[in-house]
Amino acid sequence: MHYDVVSYSNANIDILIKVNKMPSYDDKLKGELIGRFPGGTMANYACAASNLGLKAAWTGSLGNDDTGQIIINDFLEYNVDVSTIIRNKQDTMFAVILIDNTGERSIVVVPTFSEPKELTIEQKKQISKAKIFYTGPYKEINFLSTAKWARNNGTLVMIDVELTSALSSVAEMQEVCSASDIVIFNQSVLAELYDIDFKNTINYKSIIDLLRSITAKNNTILTGVTMGSKGSLIVNNKNESNYFSGFNLEVIDTTGAGDCFNAALTKGILEDWDIEDLNIYANAAGALATQGLASRGFIPNHERITQFIKKQKIDY
């Protein structure tokens, strides 16, 4: 069996709590438990990719507990291949997510184990049959060697770079990018590494120049940054760039929006769309994903995304 994408690691249960405001240092607030839902960046991406019509698999480790089985069952609901998952003796990892009245959230991820240092034979076979291997440069996985193995076997490596990646320097970030073909940053990472004030930035030329520099230095196919309600910037190895300002929707929950953005971006890359259509489509997917509670509360399909774009009267 061949795959469009194989997503690796980072599947967990999200414990969703509603709060009136985000706590600050030494605060003590009351919250409302919304529920426990399957989540995790790479797992959400696999479900979103499958919902867009891509052949998707998720591989990695889960605890041999009820929570792990709940996650597997949810993968199967989304038609995500789970044939190479490893079950271990630890508890499955979880995340505590606080959502305020605006739909914005803060997340505390609690890893409970690390991935094995080496992929299994079955995992390697699966990844070698994929067009894209999707993961993140987390400390809990042996990212550099895993990415190198995937690329050496003809699979493109796409990474999602968030603060939980814990990159300590620009040099470490460049090393991670050099092992990847497609790199999408959350704005918080570039803000921390390059001291960029995204909240007050109006002219994005300097950020586009930075992305171009990262692309050229590391020979990536595409590099981008997601900026929440302000949209996204992407550049490619053809020296093309695009900024899209996003869609103005009333937000219910932003959890998982970036994962849907990246899944939609993947679809466009595999189908060789032009850079403007690519960015519009990915932003539409991310915006629609904010219309439900929890990271998979509203994962849009291709038809829903294209209908939404048409209603916005955008030339697409």
C-alpha atoms as a PDB file:
ATOM      1  CA  MET A   1       0.000   0.000   0.000  1.00  0.00           C
ATOM      2  CA  HIS A   2       1.223   3.510  -0.851  1.00  0.00           C
ATOM      3  CA  TYR A   3       0.456   6.681   1.086  1.00  0.00           C
ATOM      4  CA  ASP A   4       0.265  10.385   0.405  1.00  0.00           C
ATOM      5  CA  VAL A   5       1.351  11.137   3.972  1.00  0.00           C
ATOM      6  CA  VAL A   6       2.670   9.284   6.982  1.00  0.00           C
ATOM      7  CA  SER A   7       2.542  11.330  10.170  1.00  0.00           C
ATOM      8  CA  TYR A   8       4.850  10.433  13.058  1.00  0.00           C
ATOM      9  CA  SER A   9       4.497  10.744  16.853  1.00  0.00           C
ATOM     10  CA  ASN A  10       2.627  13.301  18.988  1.00  0.00           C
ATOM     11  CA  ALA A  11      -0.778  11.719  19.544  1.00  0.00           C
ATOM     12  CA  ASN A  12      -2.434  12.377  22.882  1.00  0.00           C
ATOM     13  CA  ILE A  13      -5.654  13.032  24.766  1.00  0.00           C
ATOM     14  CA  ASP A  14      -6.628  16.682  25.128  1.00  0.00           C
ATOM     15  CA  ILE A  15      -8.226  17.684  28.418  1.00  0.00           C
ATOM     16  CA  LEU A  16     -10.305  20.700  27.429  1.00  0.00           C
ATOM     17  CA  ILE A  17     -11.148  23.312  30.076  1.00  0.00           C
ATOM     18  CA  LYS A  18     -13.168  26.516  29.546  1.00  0.00           C
ATOM     19  CA  VAL A  19     -12.045  29.588  31.520  1.00  0.00           C
ATOM     20  CA  ASN A  20     -13.285  33.188  31.616  1.00  0.00           C
ATOM     21  CA  LYS A  21      -9.750  34.484  31.165  1.00  0.00           C
ATOM     22  CA  MET A  22      -6.266  33.059  30.835  1.00  0.00           C
ATOM     23  CA  PRO A  23      -4.484  32.767  34.179  1.00  0.00           C
ATOM     24  CA  SER A  24      -1.432  34.885  34.878  1.00  0.00           C
ATOM     25  CA  TYR A  25       1.358  34.123  37.335  1.00  0.00           C
ATOM     26  CA  ASP A  26       0.071  33.107  40.792  1.00  0.00           C
ATOM     27  CA  ASP A  27      -3.568  33.175  39.634  1.00  0.00           C
ATOM     28  CA  LYS A  28      -6.155  30.659  40.784  1.00  0.00           C
ATOM     29  CA  LEU A  29      -9.193  30.331  38.568  1.00  0.00           C
ATOM     30  CA  LYS A  30     -12.240  28.131  38.267  1.00  0.00           C
ATOM     31  CA  GLY A  31     -12.699  26.263  35.008  1.00  0.00           C
ATOM     32  CA  GLU A  32     -15.359  24.155  33.344  1.00  0.00           C
ATOM     33  CA  LEU A  33     -14.324  20.725  32.078  1.00  0.00           C
ATOM     34  CA  ILE A  34     -15.529  20.439  28.490  1.00  0.00           C
ATOM     35  CA  GLY A  35     -14.248  16.923  27.988  1.00  0.00           C
ATOM     36  CA  ARG A  36     -11.406  14.643  26.954  1.00  0.00           C
ATOM     37  CA  PHE A  37     -10.749  14.335  23.242  1.00  0.00           C
ATOM     38  CA  PRO A  38      -8.189  12.649  20.983  1.00  0.00           C
ATOM     39  CA  GLY A  39      -5.616  15.220  19.874  1.00  0.00           C
ATOM     40  CA  GLY A  40      -1.936  15.844  19.277  1.00  0.00           C
ATOM     41  CA  THR A  41      -0.431  17.860  16.444  1.00  0.00           C
ATOM     42  CA  MET A  42       0.702  15.013  14.188  1.00  0.00           C
ATOM     43  CA  ALA A  43      -2.402  12.954  14.919  1.00  0.00           C
ATOM     44  CA  ASN A  44      -4.722  15.866  14.090  1.00  0.00           C
ATOM     45  CA  TYR A  45      -2.830  16.406  10.855  1.00  0.00           C
ATOM     46  CA  ALA A  46      -3.274  12.767   9.799  1.00  0.00           C
ATOM     47  CA  CYS A  47      -7.035  12.952  10.402  1.00  0.00           C
ATOM     48  CA  ALA A  48      -7.316  16.270   8.559  1.00  0.00           C
ATOM     49  CA  ALA A  49      -5.276  14.974   5.612  1.00  0.00           C
ATOM     50  CA  SER A  50      -7.450  11.874   5.331  1.00  0.00           C
ATOM     51  CA  ASN A  51     -10.587  14.033   5.481  1.00  0.00           C
ATOM     52  CA  LEU A  52      -9.245  15.977   2.475  1.00  0.00           C
ATOM     53  CA  GLY A  53      -9.013  12.782   0.458  1.00  0.00           C
ATOM     54  CA  LEU A  54      -5.339  11.996   1.008  1.00  0.00           C
ATOM     55  CA  LYS A  55      -4.209   8.471   1.851  1.00  0.00           C
ATOM     56  CA  ALA A  56      -2.913   8.955   5.393  1.00  0.00           C
ATOM     57  CA  ALA A  57      -1.265   6.914   8.107  1.00  0.00           C
ATOM     58  CA  TRP A  58      -0.122   7.728  11.624  1.00  0.00           C
ATOM     59  CA  THR A  59       2.722   5.873  13.265  1.00  0.00           C
ATOM     60  CA  GLY A  60       4.376   6.194  16.631  1.00  0.00           C
ATOM     61  CA  SER A  61       3.919   5.045  20.212  1.00  0.00           C
ATOM     62  CA  LEU A  62       0.829   4.965  22.412  1.00  0.00           C
ATOM     63  CA  GLY A  63       0.368   3.674  25.922  1.00  0.00           C
ATOM     64  CA  ASN A  64      -1.184   0.254  26.382  1.00  0.00           C
ATOM     65  CA  ASP A  65      -4.120   1.843  28.204  1.00  0.00           C
ATOM     66  CA  ASP A  66      -7.742   2.778  27.540  1.00  0.00           C
ATOM     67  CA  THR A  67      -6.652   6.229  26.363  1.00  0.00           C
ATOM     68  CA  GLY A  68      -4.400   4.722  23.708  1.00  0.00           C
ATOM     69  CA  GLN A  69      -7.268   2.619  22.402  1.00  0.00           C
ATOM     70  CA  ILE A  70      -9.569   5.651  22.275  1.00  0.00           C
ATOM     71  CA  ILE A  71      -7.000   7.399  20.068  1.00  0.00           C
ATOM     72  CA  ILE A  72      -6.712   4.370  17.769  1.00  0.00           C
ATOM     73  CA  ASN A  73     -10.487   4.120  17.451  1.00  0.00           C
ATOM     74  CA  ASP A  74     -10.666   7.777  16.461  1.00  0.00           C
ATOM     75  CA  PHE A  75      -7.974   7.283  13.800  1.00  0.00           C
ATOM     76  CA  LEU A  76     -10.062   4.484  12.348  1.00  0.00           C
ATOM     77  CA  GLU A  77     -13.122   6.771  12.249  1.00  0.00           C
ATOM     78  CA  TYR A  78     -11.098   9.082   9.988  1.00  0.00           C
ATOM     79  CA  ASN A  79      -9.811   6.178   7.875  1.00  0.00           C
ATOM     80  CA  VAL A  80      -6.213   6.737   9.024  1.00  0.00           C
ATOM     81  CA  ASP A  81      -3.970   3.674   8.756  1.00  0.00           C
ATOM     82  CA  VAL A  82      -2.770   2.506  12.202  1.00  0.00           C
ATOM     83  CA  SER A  83      -1.018  -0.716  11.182  1.00  0.00           C
ATOM     84  CA  THR A  84       2.452   0.211  12.500  1.00  0.00           C
ATOM     85  CA  ILE A  85       1.533   1.780  15.847  1.00  0.00           C
ATOM     86  CA  ILE A  86       3.619   0.658  18.848  1.00  0.00           C
ATOM     87  CA  ARG A  87       1.898   0.060  22.213  1.00  0.00           C
ATOM     88  CA  ASN A  88       4.117   0.436  25.289  1.00  0.00           C
ATOM     89  CA  LYS A  89       3.667   0.072  29.046  1.00  0.00           C
ATOM     90  CA  GLN A  90       3.561   3.792  29.894  1.00  0.00           C
ATOM     91  CA  ASP A  91       0.486   5.991  30.087  1.00  0.00           C
ATOM     92  CA  THR A  92      -0.461   7.741  26.848  1.00  0.00           C
ATOM     93  CA  MET A  93       0.641  11.371  26.750  1.00  0.00           C
ATOM     94  CA  PHE A  94      -1.888  14.139  27.339  1.00  0.00           C
ATOM     95  CA  ALA A  95      -2.337  17.884  27.040  1.00  0.00           C
ATOM     96  CA  VAL A  96      -4.271  20.362  29.181  1.00  0.00           C
ATOM     97  CA  ILE A  97      -5.939  23.015  27.022  1.00  0.00           C
ATOM     98  CA  LEU A  98      -7.448  26.202  28.444  1.00  0.00           C
ATOM     99  CA  ILE A  99      -9.948  28.012  26.202  1.00  0.00           C
ATOM    100  CA  ASP A 100     -11.148  31.512  26.987  1.00  0.00           C
ATOM    101  CA  ASN A 101     -14.296  33.339  25.885  1.00  0.00           C
ATOM    102  CA  THR A 102     -12.653  34.494  22.638  1.00  0.00           C
ATOM    103  CA  GLY A 103     -11.824  30.934  21.557  1.00  0.00           C
ATOM    104  CA  GLU A 104      -8.084  31.468  21.983  1.00  0.00           C
ATOM    105  CA  ARG A 105      -6.234  28.816  23.952  1.00  0.00           C
ATOM    106  CA  SER A 106      -3.151  27.956  25.958  1.00  0.00           C
ATOM    107  CA  ILE A 107      -1.789  24.426  25.891  1.00  0.00           C
ATOM    108  CA  VAL A 108       0.383  22.468  28.308  1.00  0.00           C
ATOM    109  CA  VAL A 109       1.682  19.282  26.671  1.00  0.00           C
ATOM    110  CA  VAL A 110       2.714  16.476  29.034  1.00  0.00           C
ATOM    111  CA  PRO A 111       4.902  13.845  27.322  1.00  0.00           C
ATOM    112  CA  THR A 112       4.915  10.556  29.216  1.00  0.00           C
ATOM    113  CA  PHE A 113       7.585   8.755  27.163  1.00  0.00           C
ATOM    114  CA  SER A 114       9.960   9.192  24.236  1.00  0.00           C
ATOM    115  CA  GLU A 115       9.795   7.398  20.917  1.00  0.00           C
ATOM    116  CA  PRO A 116      12.288   4.521  20.433  1.00  0.00           C
ATOM    117  CA  LYS A 117      15.630   5.682  18.995  1.00  0.00           C
ATOM    118  CA  GLU A 118      15.142   3.558  15.901  1.00  0.00           C
ATOM    119  CA  LEU A 119      12.100   3.083  13.693  1.00  0.00           C
ATOM    120  CA  THR A 120      10.815  -0.478  13.402  1.00  0.00           C
ATOM    121  CA  ILE A 121      11.163  -2.347  10.112  1.00  0.00           C
ATOM    122  CA  GLU A 122       7.409  -1.997   9.593  1.00  0.00           C
ATOM    123  CA  GLN A 123       7.529   1.774  10.199  1.00  0.00           C
ATOM    124  CA  LYS A 124      10.397   2.171   7.741  1.00  0.00           C
ATOM    125  CA  LYS A 125       8.531   0.228   5.072  1.00  0.00           C
ATOM    126  CA  GLN A 126       5.471   2.402   5.576  1.00  0.00           C
ATOM    127  CA  ILE A 127       7.382   5.687   5.460  1.00  0.00           C
ATOM    128  CA  SER A 128       9.292   4.634   2.336  1.00  0.00           C
ATOM    129  CA  LYS A 129       5.935   4.185   0.581  1.00  0.00           C
ATOM    130  CA  ALA A 130       4.789   7.721   1.419  1.00  0.00           C
ATOM    131  CA  LYS A 131       5.133  10.890  -0.624  1.00  0.00           C
ATOM    132  CA  ILE A 132       5.466  13.009   2.530  1.00  0.00           C
ATOM    133  CA  PHE A 133       6.677  12.166   6.035  1.00  0.00           C
ATOM    134  CA  TYR A 134       5.181  14.667   8.489  1.00  0.00           C
ATOM    135  CA  THR A 135       6.493  15.266  11.982  1.00  0.00           C
ATOM    136  CA  GLY A 136       8.072  17.866  14.269  1.00  0.00           C
ATOM    137  CA  PRO A 137      11.595  18.316  15.635  1.00  0.00           C
ATOM    138  CA  TYR A 138      10.672  17.271  19.168  1.00  0.00           C
ATOM    139  CA  LYS A 139      13.144  16.209  21.835  1.00  0.00           C
ATOM    140  CA  GLU A 140      11.119  13.020  22.387  1.00  0.00           C
ATOM    141  CA  ILE A 141      11.945  11.684  18.912  1.00  0.00           C
ATOM    142  CA  ASN A 142      15.263  11.140  17.151  1.00  0.00           C
ATOM    143  CA  PHE A 143      14.328  13.696  14.516  1.00  0.00           C
ATOM    144  CA  LEU A 144      17.538  14.244  12.559  1.00  0.00           C
ATOM    145  CA  SER A 145      18.316  10.581  11.928  1.00  0.00           C
ATOM    146  CA  THR A 146      14.658   9.757  11.219  1.00  0.00           C
ATOM    147  CA  ALA A 147      14.340  12.621   8.736  1.00  0.00           C
ATOM    148  CA  LYS A 148      17.621  11.676   7.064  1.00  0.00           C
ATOM    149  CA  TRP A 149      16.449   8.085   6.678  1.00  0.00           C
ATOM    150  CA  ALA A 150      13.125   9.198   5.139  1.00  0.00           C
ATOM    151  CA  ARG A 151      14.800  11.520   2.617  1.00  0.00           C
ATOM    152  CA  ASN A 152      17.386   8.924   1.672  1.00  0.00           C
ATOM    153  CA  ASN A 153      14.496   6.607   0.835  1.00  0.00           C
ATOM    154  CA  GLY A 154      12.780   9.096  -1.467  1.00  0.00           C
ATOM    155  CA  THR A 155      10.192  10.570   0.923  1.00  0.00           C
ATOM    156  CA  LEU A 156       9.824  14.325   1.400  1.00  0.00           C
ATOM    157  CA  VAL A 157      10.038  15.537   4.997  1.00  0.00           C
ATOM    158  CA  MET A 158       7.558  18.171   6.174  1.00  0.00           C
ATOM    159  CA  ILE A 159       7.802  19.613   9.675  1.00  0.00           C
ATOM    160  CA  ASP A 160       5.636  21.719  11.937  1.00  0.00           C
ATOM    161  CA  VAL A 161       7.828  23.870  14.189  1.00  0.00           C
ATOM    162  CA  GLU A 162       6.152  24.999  17.416  1.00  0.00           C
ATOM    163  CA  LEU A 163       7.501  26.257  20.741  1.00  0.00           C
ATOM    164  CA  THR A 164       7.197  22.713  22.105  1.00  0.00           C
ATOM    165  CA  SER A 165      10.003  21.814  19.702  1.00  0.00           C
ATOM    166  CA  ALA A 166      12.208  23.717  22.192  1.00  0.00           C
ATOM    167  CA  LEU A 167      14.770  24.909  19.623  1.00  0.00           C
ATOM    168  CA  SER A 168      17.374  26.769  21.668  1.00  0.00           C
ATOM    169  CA  SER A 169      19.112  28.751  18.939  1.00  0.00           C
ATOM    170  CA  VAL A 170      19.039  29.878  15.324  1.00  0.00           C
ATOM    171  CA  ALA A 171      21.806  27.366  14.619  1.00  0.00           C
ATOM    172  CA  GLU A 172      19.684  24.500  15.949  1.00  0.00           C
ATOM    173  CA  MET A 173      16.728  25.738  13.918  1.00  0.00           C
ATOM    174  CA  GLN A 174      18.845  25.823  10.754  1.00  0.00           C
ATOM    175  CA  GLU A 175      20.042  22.274  11.418  1.00  0.00           C
ATOM    176  CA  VAL A 176      16.451  21.094  11.674  1.00  0.00           C
ATOM    177  CA  CYS A 177      15.483  22.941   8.473  1.00  0.00           C
ATOM    178  CA  SER A 178      18.450  21.454   6.597  1.00  0.00           C
ATOM    179  CA  ALA A 179      16.988  17.988   7.293  1.00  0.00           C
ATOM    180  CA  SER A 180      13.570  18.984   5.907  1.00  0.00           C
ATOM    181  CA  ASP A 181      11.907  19.769   2.584  1.00  0.00           C
ATOM    182  CA  ILE A 182       8.861  21.715   3.773  1.00  0.00           C
ATOM    183  CA  VAL A 183       8.993  23.818   6.958  1.00  0.00           C
ATOM    184  CA  ILE A 184       6.048  25.580   8.605  1.00  0.00           C
ATOM    185  CA  PHE A 185       6.764  27.729  11.653  1.00  0.00           C
ATOM    186  CA  ASN A 186       4.322  28.924  14.248  1.00  0.00           C
ATOM    187  CA  GLN A 187       4.933  32.661  14.637  1.00  0.00           C
ATOM    188  CA  SER A 188       5.927  32.198  18.277  1.00  0.00           C
ATOM    189  CA  VAL A 189       9.077  30.302  17.241  1.00  0.00           C
ATOM    190  CA  LEU A 190      10.366  33.025  14.909  1.00  0.00           C
ATOM    191  CA  ALA A 191       9.347  35.664  17.455  1.00  0.00           C
ATOM    192  CA  GLU A 192      11.515  33.980  20.073  1.00  0.00           C
ATOM    193  CA  LEU A 193      14.510  33.185  17.862  1.00  0.00           C
ATOM    194  CA  TYR A 194      14.630  36.483  15.947  1.00  0.00           C
ATOM    195  CA  ASP A 195      12.890  38.858  18.382  1.00  0.00           C
ATOM    196  CA  ILE A 196      10.109  39.662  15.899  1.00  0.00           C
ATOM    197  CA  ASP A 197       7.058  41.536  17.173  1.00  0.00           C
ATOM    198  CA  PHE A 198       4.314  39.862  15.125  1.00  0.00           C
ATOM    199  CA  LYS A 199       1.523  41.633  17.016  1.00  0.00           C
ATOM    200  CA  ASN A 200       2.603  45.082  15.859  1.00  0.00           C
ATOM    201  CA  THR A 201       4.186  44.194  12.506  1.00  0.00           C
ATOM    202  CA  ILE A 202       2.404  45.791   9.559  1.00  0.00           C
ATOM    203  CA  ASN A 203       5.016  45.421   6.816  1.00  0.00           C
ATOM    204  CA  TYR A 204       5.872  41.753   6.348  1.00  0.00           C
ATOM    205  CA  LYS A 205       8.717  42.286   3.866  1.00  0.00           C
ATOM    206  CA  SER A 206      11.413  41.601   6.461  1.00  0.00           C
ATOM    207  CA  ILE A 207       9.700  38.340   7.484  1.00  0.00           C
ATOM    208  CA  ILE A 208       9.376  37.271   3.846  1.00  0.00           C
ATOM    209  CA  ASP A 209      13.099  38.021   3.420  1.00  0.00           C
ATOM    210  CA  LEU A 210      13.846  35.861   6.464  1.00  0.00           C
ATOM    211  CA  LEU A 211      11.790  32.971   5.070  1.00  0.00           C
ATOM    212  CA  ARG A 212      13.562  33.336   1.720  1.00  0.00           C
ATOM    213  CA  SER A 213      16.894  33.200   3.502  1.00  0.00           C
ATOM    214  CA  ILE A 214      15.918  30.026   5.379  1.00  0.00           C
ATOM    215  CA  THR A 215      14.629  28.486   2.132  1.00  0.00           C
ATOM    216  CA  ALA A 216      17.812  29.282   0.196  1.00  0.00           C
ATOM    217  CA  LYS A 217      20.198  28.268   2.962  1.00  0.00           C
ATOM    218  CA  ASN A 218      18.534  24.903   3.535  1.00  0.00           C
ATOM    219  CA  ASN A 219      17.285  24.174   0.014  1.00  0.00           C
ATOM    220  CA  THR A 220      13.697  23.666   1.172  1.00  0.00           C
ATOM    221  CA  ILE A 221      10.811  23.411  -1.292  1.00  0.00           C
ATOM    222  CA  LEU A 222       8.570  25.668   0.770  1.00  0.00           C
ATOM    223  CA  THR A 223       8.893  27.603   4.028  1.00  0.00           C
ATOM    224  CA  GLY A 224       6.112  29.430   5.824  1.00  0.00           C
ATOM    225  CA  VAL A 225       4.861  30.950   9.047  1.00  0.00           C
ATOM    226  CA  THR A 226       1.331  30.852  10.457  1.00  0.00           C
ATOM    227  CA  MET A 227       0.206  33.988  12.301  1.00  0.00           C
ATOM    228  CA  GLY A 228      -3.170  33.061  13.783  1.00  0.00           C
ATOM    229  CA  SER A 229      -5.911  35.534  12.892  1.00  0.00           C
ATOM    230  CA  LYS A 230      -3.428  37.532  10.781  1.00  0.00           C
ATOM    231  CA  GLY A 231      -3.079  34.738   8.244  1.00  0.00           C
ATOM    232  CA  SER A 232       0.169  33.320   6.899  1.00  0.00           C
ATOM    233  CA  LEU A 233       3.267  33.978   4.816  1.00  0.00           C
ATOM    234  CA  ILE A 234       4.781  31.340   2.531  1.00  0.00           C
ATOM    235  CA  VAL A 235       7.729  31.317   0.133  1.00  0.00           C
ATOM    236  CA  ASN A 236       8.967  28.607  -2.205  1.00  0.00           C
ATOM    237  CA  ASN A 237      12.185  27.607  -3.946  1.00  0.00           C
ATOM    238  CA  LYS A 238      11.042  29.431  -7.113  1.00  0.00           C
ATOM    239  CA  ASN A 239      11.552  32.726  -5.254  1.00  0.00           C
ATOM    240  CA  GLU A 240       7.770  33.208  -5.102  1.00  0.00           C
ATOM    241  CA  SER A 241       6.104  34.528  -1.961  1.00  0.00           C
ATOM    242  CA  ASN A 242       2.535  35.057  -0.810  1.00  0.00           C
ATOM    243  CA  TYR A 243       0.855  36.726   2.131  1.00  0.00           C
ATOM    244  CA  PHE A 244      -2.795  36.011   2.868  1.00  0.00           C
ATOM    245  CA  SER A 245      -4.502  37.951   5.649  1.00  0.00           C
ATOM    246  CA  GLY A 246      -6.802  35.123   6.753  1.00  0.00           C
ATOM    247  CA  PHE A 247     -10.580  34.980   7.207  1.00  0.00           C
ATOM    248  CA  ASN A 248     -12.572  36.889   9.781  1.00  0.00           C
ATOM    249  CA  LEU A 249     -14.772  34.327  11.550  1.00  0.00           C
ATOM    250  CA  GLU A 250     -16.184  34.228  15.062  1.00  0.00           C
ATOM    251  CA  VAL A 251     -13.934  31.711  16.767  1.00  0.00           C
ATOM    252  CA  ILE A 252     -15.157  28.854  18.939  1.00  0.00           C
ATOM    253  CA  ASP A 253     -11.827  27.088  19.513  1.00  0.00           C
ATOM    254  CA  THR A 254      -8.489  27.549  17.712  1.00  0.00           C
ATOM    255  CA  THR A 255      -7.099  24.175  18.825  1.00  0.00           C
ATOM    256  CA  GLY A 256      -6.067  22.130  15.786  1.00  0.00           C
ATOM    257  CA  ALA A 257      -6.466  25.000  13.296  1.00  0.00           C
ATOM    258  CA  GLY A 258      -2.771  24.938  12.421  1.00  0.00           C
ATOM    259  CA  ASP A 259      -2.907  21.178  11.869  1.00  0.00           C
ATOM    260  CA  CYS A 260      -5.772  21.600   9.383  1.00  0.00           C
ATOM    261  CA  PHE A 261      -3.827  24.428   7.715  1.00  0.00           C
ATOM    262  CA  ASN A 262      -0.820  22.146   7.225  1.00  0.00           C
ATOM    263  CA  ALA A 263      -2.925  19.254   5.947  1.00  0.00           C
ATOM    264  CA  ALA A 264      -4.564  21.537   3.377  1.00  0.00           C
ATOM    265  CA  LEU A 265      -1.149  22.920   2.429  1.00  0.00           C
ATOM    266  CA  THR A 266       0.038  19.353   1.873  1.00  0.00           C
ATOM    267  CA  LYS A 267      -2.846  18.620  -0.488  1.00  0.00           C
ATOM    268  CA  GLY A 268      -1.994  21.663  -2.573  1.00  0.00           C
ATOM    269  CA  ILE A 269       1.710  20.851  -2.651  1.00  0.00           C
ATOM    270  CA  LEU A 270       1.070  17.281  -3.801  1.00  0.00           C
ATOM    271  CA  GLU A 271      -1.289  18.574  -6.496  1.00  0.00           C
ATOM    272  CA  ASP A 272       1.184  21.302  -7.581  1.00  0.00           C
ATOM    273  CA  TRP A 273      -1.090  24.310  -7.004  1.00  0.00           C
ATOM    274  CA  ASP A 274       0.239  27.824  -7.466  1.00  0.00           C
ATOM    275  CA  ILE A 275       1.406  29.580  -4.330  1.00  0.00           C
ATOM    276  CA  GLU A 276      -1.578  31.965  -4.013  1.00  0.00           C
ATOM    277  CA  ASP A 277      -4.213  29.224  -4.263  1.00  0.00           C
ATOM    278  CA  LEU A 278      -2.160  27.131  -1.868  1.00  0.00           C
ATOM    279  CA  ASN A 279      -2.180  29.821   0.798  1.00  0.00           C
ATOM    280  CA  ILE A 280      -5.876  30.737   0.389  1.00  0.00           C
ATOM    281  CA  TYR A 281      -6.955  27.096   0.620  1.00  0.00           C
ATOM    282  CA  ALA A 282      -4.817  26.384   3.696  1.00  0.00           C
ATOM    283  CA  ASN A 283      -6.097  29.508   5.467  1.00  0.00           C
ATOM    284  CA  ALA A 284      -9.687  28.534   4.686  1.00  0.00           C
ATOM    285  CA  ALA A 285      -9.110  25.077   6.180  1.00  0.00           C
ATOM    286  CA  GLY A 286      -7.552  26.582   9.288  1.00  0.00           C
ATOM    287  CA  ALA A 287     -10.351  29.133   9.695  1.00  0.00           C
ATOM    288  CA  LEU A 288     -13.093  26.527   9.368  1.00  0.00           C
ATOM    289  CA  ALA A 289     -11.340  24.336  11.939  1.00  0.00           C
ATOM    290  CA  THR A 290     -12.025  27.031  14.569  1.00  0.00           C
ATOM    291  CA  GLN A 291     -15.775  26.459  14.226  1.00  0.00           C
ATOM    292  CA  GLY A 292     -15.965  23.495  16.603  1.00  0.00           C
ATOM    293  CA  LEU A 293     -14.780  22.602  20.081  1.00  0.00           C
ATOM    294  CA  ALA A 294     -11.611  20.494  20.444  1.00  0.00           C
ATOM    295  CA  SER A 295      -8.904  19.868  17.888  1.00  0.00           C
ATOM    296  CA  ARG A 296     -11.146  17.653  15.746  1.00  0.00           C
ATOM    297  CA  GLY A 297     -14.443  19.304  16.548  1.00  0.00           C
ATOM    298  CA  PHE A 298     -14.730  20.592  12.983  1.00  0.00           C
ATOM    299  CA  ILE A 299     -12.261  19.167  10.467  1.00  0.00           C
ATOM    300  CA  PRO A 300     -13.406  20.436   7.059  1.00  0.00           C
ATOM    301  CA  ASN A 301     -13.385  18.351   3.894  1.00  0.00           C
ATOM    302  CA  HIS A 302     -12.399  19.591   0.425  1.00  0.00           C
ATOM    303  CA  GLU A 303     -15.947  20.424  -0.651  1.00  0.00           C
ATOM    304  CA  ARG A 304     -16.610  22.456   2.502  1.00  0.00           C
ATOM    305  CA  ILE A 305     -13.395  24.433   2.019  1.00  0.00           C
ATOM    306  CA  THR A 306     -14.019  25.277  -1.640  1.00  0.00           C
ATOM    307  CA  GLN A 307     -17.628  26.283  -0.914  1.00  0.00           C
ATOM    308  CA  PHE A 308     -16.427  28.538   1.887  1.00  0.00           C
ATOM    309  CA  ILE A 309     -13.856  30.229  -0.371  1.00  0.00           C
ATOM    310  CA  LYS A 310     -16.501  30.878  -3.043  1.00  0.00           C
ATOM    311  CA  LYS A 311     -18.805  32.477  -0.459  1.00  0.00           C
ATOM    312  CA  GLN A 312     -15.990  34.862   0.484  1.00  0.00           C
ATOM    313  CA  LYS A 313     -15.915  35.997  -3.185  1.00  0.00           C
ATOM    314  CA  ILE A 314     -12.197  35.453  -3.461  1.00  0.00           C
ATOM    315  CA  ASP A 315     -10.586  34.905  -6.854  1.00  0.00           C
ATOM    316  CA  TYR A 316      -9.486  31.310  -6.411  1.00  0.00           C
END
